[in-house]
Amino acid sequence: HSFLALLILIPIYVIFILDLYWNLFDIFTVVETGSYYFTIPTCAIAILFIVCFGLTYTEDIPQYGIKASLWMVPLIIALGFFFYTLMFGLSLEPFKFQFANGKGYLNLVILILTVLSGSLSGMTIKKEINKRKEISSPR
């Protein structure tokens, strides 16, 4: 049971680390009003986690799901460059923000950690469910 609690705490820990970087929610507003709300970055990270979880959970061989999930990181970065070009025209600014800045590398690390935590959670939960099915089913 402690292992399953750890699986629940991993995404919460990732969201806490992301909150330190992206300010996913305004703590002062939460204290003053007593209402908690998610912002757009929180939803994006939660969706990325759920998608990576689903990709790995549905695969018979978990390594294929992890590999497919890891390919989402360069795709997300490339789509970011593409949409920046559509909105503001061709510029080197997004490359400077992503690769010549510490926050850009922190963004990459956060994306990779989110993808890996979602994938590893999906793999672990599927293994746990399969193990419980084998134990409970009489042969």
Protein backbone atom coordinates (compact mmCIF):
# COMPACT_ATOMS: atom_id res chain seq x y z
CA HIS A 1 0.00 0.00 0.00
CA SER A 2 2.89 2.36 0.66
CA PHE A 3 4.07 1.82 -2.92
CA LEU A 4 0.69 2.90 -4.30
CA ALA A 5 0.79 5.96 -2.05
CA LEU A 6 4.18 6.78 -3.54
CA LEU A 7 2.69 6.54 -7.04
CA ILE A 8 0.05 9.04 -6.05
CA LEU A 9 2.62 11.38 -4.54
CA ILE A 10 4.92 11.44 -7.59
CA PRO A 11 2.59 13.59 -9.75
CA ILE A 12 1.86 15.84 -6.78
CA TYR A 13 5.60 16.31 -6.27
CA VAL A 14 6.07 17.11 -9.98
CA ILE A 15 3.24 19.67 -9.85
CA PHE A 16 4.81 21.20 -6.72
CA ILE A 17 8.16 21.57 -8.49
CA LEU A 18 6.40 23.02 -11.53
CA ASP A 19 4.58 25.45 -9.30
CA LEU A 20 7.88 26.80 -8.06
CA TYR A 21 8.91 27.50 -11.63
CA TRP A 22 5.71 28.38 -13.47
CA ASN A 23 3.55 29.76 -10.63
CA LEU A 24 0.74 27.39 -11.49
CA PHE A 25 -1.50 28.95 -8.89
CA ASP A 26 -1.33 32.17 -6.91
CA ILE A 27 -0.83 31.16 -3.27
CA PHE A 28 -1.82 34.61 -2.01
CA THR A 29 -5.19 34.41 -3.78
CA VAL A 30 -5.73 30.95 -2.31
CA VAL A 31 -5.04 32.24 1.21
CA GLU A 32 -7.19 35.38 0.83
CA THR A 33 -10.22 33.86 -0.90
CA GLY A 34 -9.96 30.25 0.22
CA SER A 35 -10.60 29.07 -3.34
CA TYR A 36 -8.09 27.06 -5.30
CA TYR A 37 -7.99 27.02 -9.07
CA PHE A 38 -5.70 25.59 -11.70
CA THR A 39 -4.19 27.78 -14.37
CA ILE A 40 -3.44 26.84 -17.97
CA PRO A 41 0.10 25.47 -17.30
CA THR A 42 -1.28 23.18 -14.59
CA CYS A 43 -3.84 21.75 -16.99
CA ALA A 44 -1.20 21.32 -19.70
CA ILE A 45 1.11 19.38 -17.38
CA ALA A 46 -1.78 17.28 -16.07
CA ILE A 47 -2.88 16.47 -19.64
CA LEU A 48 0.69 15.56 -20.62
CA PHE A 49 0.95 13.29 -17.57
CA ILE A 50 -2.37 11.59 -18.37
CA VAL A 51 -1.48 11.11 -22.06
CA CYS A 52 1.89 9.55 -21.18
CA PHE A 53 0.22 7.40 -18.55
CA GLY A 54 -2.31 6.18 -21.14
CA LEU A 55 0.32 5.55 -23.82
CA THR A 56 2.32 3.31 -21.52
CA TYR A 57 -0.65 1.66 -19.84
CA THR A 58 -2.18 0.50 -23.14
CA GLU A 59 1.03 -1.07 -24.46
CA ASP A 60 1.73 -4.75 -23.85
CA ILE A 61 5.46 -4.01 -23.65
CA PRO A 62 5.88 -0.93 -21.41
CA GLN A 63 9.16 0.13 -23.04
CA TYR A 64 7.28 0.91 -26.27
CA GLY A 65 4.95 3.23 -24.39
CA ILE A 66 7.85 4.96 -22.64
CA LYS A 67 9.63 5.39 -25.98
CA ALA A 68 6.49 6.83 -27.59
CA SER A 69 6.01 9.17 -24.64
CA LEU A 70 9.59 10.44 -24.79
CA TRP A 71 9.09 11.34 -28.44
CA MET A 72 6.45 13.81 -27.31
CA VAL A 73 9.09 16.16 -25.82
CA PRO A 74 10.77 17.13 -29.13
CA LEU A 75 7.33 17.30 -30.73
CA ILE A 76 6.12 19.76 -28.07
CA ILE A 77 9.25 21.90 -28.49
CA ALA A 78 8.92 21.87 -32.30
CA LEU A 79 5.24 22.81 -32.10
CA GLY A 80 6.16 25.67 -29.78
CA PHE A 81 8.62 26.99 -32.38
CA PHE A 82 6.04 26.53 -35.13
CA PHE A 83 3.29 28.42 -33.32
CA TYR A 84 5.71 31.19 -32.31
CA THR A 85 6.59 31.58 -36.00
CA LEU A 86 2.90 31.72 -36.95
CA MET A 87 2.12 34.37 -34.35
CA PHE A 88 5.20 36.59 -34.49
CA GLY A 89 7.01 35.72 -37.71
CA LEU A 90 10.33 34.00 -38.28
CA SER A 91 12.77 34.88 -35.51
CA LEU A 92 15.61 33.39 -33.50
CA GLU A 93 14.01 34.45 -30.20
CA PRO A 94 12.41 31.08 -29.37
CA PHE A 95 15.75 29.34 -29.90
CA LYS A 96 17.39 31.85 -27.56
CA PHE A 97 14.67 31.33 -24.97
CA GLN A 98 14.90 27.54 -25.21
CA PHE A 99 18.60 26.82 -25.66
CA ALA A 100 20.54 29.92 -24.54
CA ASN A 101 18.76 30.37 -21.25
CA GLY A 102 18.69 28.39 -18.02
CA LYS A 103 14.90 28.58 -17.90
CA GLY A 104 14.71 26.91 -21.31
CA TYR A 105 16.74 23.96 -20.09
CA LEU A 106 14.66 23.87 -16.93
CA ASN A 107 11.60 23.69 -19.19
CA LEU A 108 13.12 20.68 -20.98
CA VAL A 109 13.87 18.96 -17.68
CA ILE A 110 10.33 19.59 -16.45
CA LEU A 111 8.85 18.18 -19.67
CA ILE A 112 11.06 15.08 -19.51
CA LEU A 113 10.28 14.51 -15.82
CA THR A 114 6.55 14.87 -16.45
CA VAL A 115 6.70 12.42 -19.36
CA LEU A 116 8.79 9.92 -17.41
CA SER A 117 6.64 10.14 -14.28
CA GLY A 118 3.47 9.58 -16.32
CA SER A 119 5.00 6.69 -18.25
CA LEU A 120 6.53 5.00 -15.22
CA SER A 121 3.28 5.40 -13.28
CA GLY A 122 1.35 3.79 -16.14
CA MET A 123 3.84 0.92 -16.35
CA THR A 124 3.85 0.33 -12.60
CA ILE A 125 0.09 0.42 -12.18
CA LYS A 126 -0.39 -1.98 -15.10
CA LYS A 127 2.15 -4.39 -13.58
CA GLU A 128 0.44 -4.11 -10.20
CA ILE A 129 -3.00 -4.79 -11.71
CA ASN A 130 -1.68 -7.78 -13.69
CA LYS A 131 0.01 -9.16 -10.58
CA ARG A 132 -3.23 -8.87 -8.59
CA LYS A 133 -5.17 -10.56 -11.40
CA GLU A 134 -2.72 -13.48 -11.36
CA ILE A 135 -2.96 -13.79 -7.58
CA SER A 136 -6.77 -13.63 -7.45
CA SER A 137 -7.51 -15.89 -10.42
CA PRO A 138 -7.42 -19.60 -9.54
CA ARG A 139 -5.65 -21.84 -12.00
